[in-house]
Amino acid sequence: MFQNAGVKDFDWTMFFVTLIICGLGVLQIFSATHDTVWQGSWWKQLLFIAAGIFLMWLAATSTITR
């Protein structure tokens, strides 16, 4: 009933646009917290982005079987 979608079926354009938006967000966090107490908080945001990409990959590659 369910088939795995291949790499060609993945929406690469939306993925790269999302990465660009995430990158701009990290850049804004970096510039807003530069030389403050929260100077390293942009690393935390990068870790959350990486965890989100991993979870997205996990959900996209898992199959539903009955």
N, C-alpha and C. Protein backbone atom coordinates (compact mmCIF):
# COMPACT_ATOMS: atom_id res chain seq x y z
N MET A 1 0.81 -1.18 0.00
CA MET A 1 0.00 0.00 0.00
C MET A 1 0.87 1.26 0.00
N PHE A 2 1.86 1.33 0.87
CA PHE A 2 2.75 2.48 0.91
C PHE A 2 4.06 2.14 0.23
N GLN A 3 4.60 3.09 -0.49
CA GLN A 3 5.89 2.91 -1.12
C GLN A 3 6.83 4.00 -0.64
N ASN A 4 8.12 3.66 -0.60
CA ASN A 4 9.10 4.66 -0.23
C ASN A 4 9.28 5.64 -1.37
N ALA A 5 9.32 6.91 -1.05
CA ALA A 5 9.61 7.92 -2.06
C ALA A 5 11.13 7.98 -2.24
N GLY A 6 11.56 8.14 -3.43
CA GLY A 6 12.98 8.21 -3.71
C GLY A 6 13.53 9.60 -3.49
N VAL A 7 14.82 9.74 -3.71
CA VAL A 7 15.48 11.03 -3.55
C VAL A 7 14.92 12.05 -4.54
N LYS A 8 14.53 11.58 -5.72
CA LYS A 8 13.99 12.50 -6.72
C LYS A 8 12.63 13.07 -6.32
N ASP A 9 11.93 12.40 -5.40
CA ASP A 9 10.62 12.86 -4.95
C ASP A 9 10.71 13.85 -3.79
N PHE A 10 11.89 14.04 -3.25
CA PHE A 10 12.07 14.96 -2.13
C PHE A 10 12.03 16.39 -2.64
N ASP A 11 11.40 17.28 -1.90
CA ASP A 11 11.30 18.68 -2.30
C ASP A 11 12.57 19.43 -1.90
N TRP A 12 13.57 19.36 -2.76
CA TRP A 12 14.88 19.95 -2.46
C TRP A 12 14.82 21.47 -2.40
N THR A 13 13.99 22.08 -3.22
CA THR A 13 13.89 23.54 -3.21
C THR A 13 13.41 24.04 -1.86
N MET A 14 12.36 23.43 -1.33
CA MET A 14 11.85 23.85 -0.03
C MET A 14 12.87 23.58 1.07
N PHE A 15 13.60 22.46 0.97
CA PHE A 15 14.62 22.14 1.96
C PHE A 15 15.71 23.22 1.99
N PHE A 16 16.20 23.62 0.80
CA PHE A 16 17.27 24.61 0.76
C PHE A 16 16.77 26.00 1.16
N VAL A 17 15.54 26.34 0.82
CA VAL A 17 14.98 27.62 1.27
C VAL A 17 14.87 27.63 2.79
N THR A 18 14.45 26.50 3.36
CA THR A 18 14.36 26.39 4.82
C THR A 18 15.74 26.53 5.46
N LEU A 19 16.76 25.90 4.86
CA LEU A 19 18.12 26.03 5.39
C LEU A 19 18.62 27.48 5.31
N ILE A 20 18.28 28.17 4.25
CA ILE A 20 18.68 29.59 4.13
C ILE A 20 18.00 30.42 5.21
N ILE A 21 16.72 30.18 5.45
CA ILE A 21 16.00 30.91 6.50
C ILE A 21 16.59 30.60 7.87
N CYS A 22 16.92 29.33 8.12
CA CYS A 22 17.56 28.95 9.39
C CYS A 22 18.92 29.62 9.53
N GLY A 23 19.68 29.68 8.45
CA GLY A 23 20.99 30.33 8.47
C GLY A 23 20.87 31.81 8.78
N LEU A 24 19.86 32.47 8.19
CA LEU A 24 19.64 33.88 8.49
C LEU A 24 19.25 34.08 9.96
N GLY A 25 18.47 33.15 10.49
CA GLY A 25 18.10 33.24 11.90
C GLY A 25 19.30 33.10 12.82
N VAL A 26 20.19 32.15 12.49
CA VAL A 26 21.40 31.97 13.29
C VAL A 26 22.28 33.21 13.19
N LEU A 27 22.37 33.80 12.00
CA LEU A 27 23.16 35.02 11.82
C LEU A 27 22.58 36.17 12.65
N GLN A 28 21.26 36.27 12.71
CA GLN A 28 20.64 37.31 13.52
C GLN A 28 20.89 37.09 15.01
N ILE A 29 20.81 35.83 15.45
CA ILE A 29 21.11 35.54 16.85
C ILE A 29 22.55 35.87 17.17
N PHE A 30 23.45 35.52 16.25
CA PHE A 30 24.87 35.82 16.46
C PHE A 30 25.11 37.32 16.57
N SER A 31 24.53 38.09 15.64
CA SER A 31 24.78 39.53 15.66
C SER A 31 24.09 40.22 16.83
N ALA A 32 22.95 39.70 17.27
CA ALA A 32 22.23 40.33 18.37
C ALA A 32 22.89 40.05 19.72
N THR A 33 23.58 38.92 19.83
CA THR A 33 24.15 38.54 21.13
C THR A 33 25.67 38.70 21.16
N HIS A 34 26.25 39.28 20.12
CA HIS A 34 27.70 39.48 20.08
C HIS A 34 28.11 40.44 21.20
N ASP A 35 29.14 40.07 21.93
CA ASP A 35 29.66 40.84 23.07
C ASP A 35 28.63 41.05 24.18
N THR A 36 27.80 40.04 24.42
CA THR A 36 26.86 40.08 25.54
C THR A 36 27.06 38.81 26.37
N VAL A 37 26.25 38.68 27.38
CA VAL A 37 26.31 37.50 28.25
C VAL A 37 25.92 36.24 27.48
N TRP A 38 25.03 36.38 26.50
CA TRP A 38 24.49 35.24 25.73
C TRP A 38 25.26 35.03 24.44
N GLN A 39 26.54 35.29 24.45
CA GLN A 39 27.37 35.29 23.25
C GLN A 39 27.36 33.95 22.51
N GLY A 40 27.29 32.82 23.20
CA GLY A 40 27.37 31.52 22.54
C GLY A 40 26.02 30.87 22.27
N SER A 41 24.94 31.64 22.35
CA SER A 41 23.62 31.02 22.20
C SER A 41 23.32 30.61 20.76
N TRP A 42 24.06 31.10 19.79
CA TRP A 42 23.81 30.69 18.40
C TRP A 42 24.21 29.24 18.18
N TRP A 43 25.13 28.70 18.98
CA TRP A 43 25.48 27.27 18.88
C TRP A 43 24.29 26.40 19.25
N LYS A 44 23.56 26.83 20.26
CA LYS A 44 22.37 26.09 20.69
C LYS A 44 21.35 26.02 19.55
N GLN A 45 21.17 27.14 18.85
CA GLN A 45 20.25 27.16 17.72
C GLN A 45 20.72 26.23 16.61
N LEU A 46 22.02 26.18 16.35
CA LEU A 46 22.55 25.26 15.34
C LEU A 46 22.30 23.81 15.73
N LEU A 47 22.43 23.49 17.02
CA LEU A 47 22.14 22.13 17.47
C LEU A 47 20.67 21.77 17.28
N PHE A 48 19.77 22.71 17.56
CA PHE A 48 18.34 22.46 17.35
C PHE A 48 18.02 22.27 15.86
N ILE A 49 18.67 23.03 15.01
CA ILE A 49 18.47 22.87 13.56
C ILE A 49 18.96 21.51 13.11
N ALA A 50 20.13 21.10 13.58
CA ALA A 50 20.67 19.78 13.21
C ALA A 50 19.77 18.66 13.72
N ALA A 51 19.25 18.80 14.94
CA ALA A 51 18.34 17.78 15.48
C ALA A 51 17.05 17.73 14.66
N GLY A 52 16.56 18.88 14.24
CA GLY A 52 15.35 18.92 13.42
C GLY A 52 15.56 18.28 12.06
N ILE A 53 16.72 18.51 11.44
CA ILE A 53 17.02 17.87 10.16
C ILE A 53 17.13 16.36 10.33
N PHE A 54 17.74 15.92 11.42
CA PHE A 54 17.85 14.49 11.67
C PHE A 54 16.47 13.86 11.86
N LEU A 55 15.61 14.51 12.63
CA LEU A 55 14.26 13.98 12.84
C LEU A 55 13.45 13.98 11.54
N MET A 56 13.65 15.00 10.72
CA MET A 56 12.98 15.04 9.43
C MET A 56 13.44 13.89 8.55
N TRP A 57 14.74 13.63 8.52
CA TRP A 57 15.29 12.52 7.74
C TRP A 57 14.74 11.19 8.27
N LEU A 58 14.69 11.05 9.57
CA LEU A 58 14.17 9.82 10.18
C LEU A 58 12.71 9.60 9.80
N ALA A 59 11.92 10.64 9.85
CA ALA A 59 10.50 10.52 9.49
C ALA A 59 10.32 10.26 7.99
N ALA A 60 11.19 10.84 7.17
CA ALA A 60 11.05 10.67 5.72
C ALA A 60 11.49 9.29 5.26
N THR A 61 12.40 8.65 5.98
CA THR A 61 12.90 7.36 5.54
C THR A 61 12.19 6.18 6.20
N SER A 62 11.40 6.45 7.22
CA SER A 62 10.70 5.34 7.88
C SER A 62 9.52 4.90 7.00
N THR A 63 9.22 3.63 7.07
CA THR A 63 8.10 3.10 6.29
C THR A 63 7.01 2.62 7.23
N ILE A 64 5.80 2.70 6.75
CA ILE A 64 4.66 2.23 7.53
C ILE A 64 4.26 0.87 6.97
N THR A 65 4.36 -0.15 7.81
CA THR A 65 3.98 -1.49 7.38
C THR A 65 2.92 -2.04 8.31
N ARG A 66 2.09 -2.88 7.77
CA ARG A 66 1.05 -3.50 8.58
C ARG A 66 1.16 -4.99 8.49
